[in-house]
Every structure is written in structure tokens, then in C-alpha cells.
Amino acid sequence: MKKNYPRYTLRVSREVLEKIGYISKYNGRTKNKEIEYVLKKWIQEYEKANGEIEINYYDDED
């Protein structure tokens, strides 16, 4: 089943993008999955220090 992920455009310098590409290849991930992995780890660290972030949103899929 295909998940419905929202799209988000991220603007970064070419240098940062190339370095993300290097790291993602080393870890066997796509650039997108590497960025997602790093963001999830960052969120976990934040929530560990500050408490869980509650998200209240409406799911458009019925």
C-alpha cells in the first residue's frame, strides 16, 4: 500500500546536498531517507529532553 506523504521543498546549498549524498550512499539510503532519518533522530532527542510533541491534525484519507 502506497503511503500518502505530504511533499515539502527543502532548499540547501549544493555543498550540503553533495555531503548528504555522500553520507546517504555510505549508509545505503537515498538522500530523502537519510534526511528523514536525521530529522527523526533530532525529534527523538528533542522529545527526550522536552517531552513528547502532540500533533493534532486531520487525516484526509477516509
C-alpha atoms as a PDB file:
ATOM      1  CA  MET A   1       0.000   0.000   0.000  1.00  0.00           C
ATOM      2  CA  LYS A   2       1.398   3.378  -1.008  1.00  0.00           C
ATOM      3  CA  LYS A   3       1.582   5.904   1.802  1.00  0.00           C
ATOM      4  CA  ASN A   4       0.362   9.431   1.230  1.00  0.00           C
ATOM      5  CA  TYR A   5       3.268  11.595   2.359  1.00  0.00           C
ATOM      6  CA  PRO A   6       2.966  15.362   2.069  1.00  0.00           C
ATOM      7  CA  ARG A   7       5.635  16.988  -0.101  1.00  0.00           C
ATOM      8  CA  TYR A   8       7.968  19.631   1.235  1.00  0.00           C
ATOM      9  CA  THR A   9      10.571  21.530  -0.774  1.00  0.00           C
ATOM     10  CA  LEU A  10      13.864  21.941   1.059  1.00  0.00           C
ATOM     11  CA  ARG A  11      16.418  24.429  -0.207  1.00  0.00           C
ATOM     12  CA  VAL A  12      20.027  23.756   0.761  1.00  0.00           C
ATOM     13  CA  SER A  13      23.392  24.671  -0.700  1.00  0.00           C
ATOM     14  CA  ARG A  14      24.949  22.381  -3.307  1.00  0.00           C
ATOM     15  CA  GLU A  15      27.739  21.574  -0.831  1.00  0.00           C
ATOM     16  CA  VAL A  16      25.270  20.400   1.816  1.00  0.00           C
ATOM     17  CA  LEU A  17      23.332  18.355  -0.742  1.00  0.00           C
ATOM     18  CA  GLU A  18      26.502  16.671  -2.018  1.00  0.00           C
ATOM     19  CA  LYS A  19      27.578  15.823   1.539  1.00  0.00           C
ATOM     20  CA  ILE A  20      24.135  14.394   2.307  1.00  0.00           C
ATOM     21  CA  GLY A  21      24.504  12.312  -0.860  1.00  0.00           C
ATOM     22  CA  TYR A  22      27.886  11.026   0.276  1.00  0.00           C
ATOM     23  CA  ILE A  23      26.605  10.077   3.727  1.00  0.00           C
ATOM     24  CA  SER A  24      23.417   8.526   2.363  1.00  0.00           C
ATOM     25  CA  LYS A  25      25.405   6.275  -0.011  1.00  0.00           C
ATOM     26  CA  TYR A  26      27.651   5.228   2.868  1.00  0.00           C
ATOM     27  CA  ASN A  27      24.558   4.307   4.908  1.00  0.00           C
ATOM     28  CA  GLY A  28      22.795   2.611   1.985  1.00  0.00           C
ATOM     29  CA  ARG A  29      19.939   5.102   1.872  1.00  0.00           C
ATOM     30  CA  THR A  30      18.560   7.604  -0.595  1.00  0.00           C
ATOM     31  CA  LYS A  31      19.150  11.274   0.166  1.00  0.00           C
ATOM     32  CA  ASN A  32      15.484  11.605   1.065  1.00  0.00           C
ATOM     33  CA  LYS A  33      15.591   8.678   3.510  1.00  0.00           C
ATOM     34  CA  GLU A  34      18.835   9.964   5.035  1.00  0.00           C
ATOM     35  CA  ILE A  35      17.266  13.374   5.677  1.00  0.00           C
ATOM     36  CA  GLU A  36      14.154  11.700   7.121  1.00  0.00           C
ATOM     37  CA  TYR A  37      16.337   9.514   9.377  1.00  0.00           C
ATOM     38  CA  VAL A  38      18.288  12.518  10.681  1.00  0.00           C
ATOM     39  CA  LEU A  39      15.100  14.505  11.316  1.00  0.00           C
ATOM     40  CA  LYS A  40      13.517  11.605  13.231  1.00  0.00           C
ATOM     41  CA  LYS A  41      16.638  11.275  15.424  1.00  0.00           C
ATOM     42  CA  TRP A  42      16.580  15.031  16.059  1.00  0.00           C
ATOM     43  CA  ILE A  43      12.900  14.874  17.047  1.00  0.00           C
ATOM     44  CA  GLN A  44      13.570  11.929  19.390  1.00  0.00           C
ATOM     45  CA  GLU A  45      16.376  13.875  21.110  1.00  0.00           C
ATOM     46  CA  TYR A  46      14.170  16.944  21.449  1.00  0.00           C
ATOM     47  CA  GLU A  47      11.269  14.954  22.895  1.00  0.00           C
ATOM     48  CA  LYS A  48      13.570  13.122  25.298  1.00  0.00           C
ATOM     49  CA  ALA A  49      14.733  16.469  26.686  1.00  0.00           C
ATOM     50  CA  ASN A  50      11.448  18.393  26.452  1.00  0.00           C
ATOM     51  CA  GLY A  51       8.593  15.904  26.393  1.00  0.00           C
ATOM     52  CA  GLU A  52       6.540  14.442  23.595  1.00  0.00           C
ATOM     53  CA  ILE A  53       5.226  16.802  20.952  1.00  0.00           C
ATOM     54  CA  GLU A  54       1.497  16.334  20.484  1.00  0.00           C
ATOM     55  CA  ILE A  55       0.335  16.602  16.917  1.00  0.00           C
ATOM     56  CA  ASN A  56      -3.314  17.299  16.222  1.00  0.00           C
ATOM     57  CA  TYR A  57      -4.142  17.097  12.548  1.00  0.00           C
ATOM     58  CA  TYR A  58      -6.939  15.791  10.410  1.00  0.00           C
ATOM     59  CA  ASP A  59      -6.299  12.829   8.158  1.00  0.00           C
ATOM     60  CA  ASP A  60      -7.739  13.456   4.701  1.00  0.00           C
ATOM     61  CA  GLU A  61      -7.931   9.714   3.993  1.00  0.00           C
ATOM     62  CA  ASP A  62     -11.285   8.203   4.930  1.00  0.00           C
END
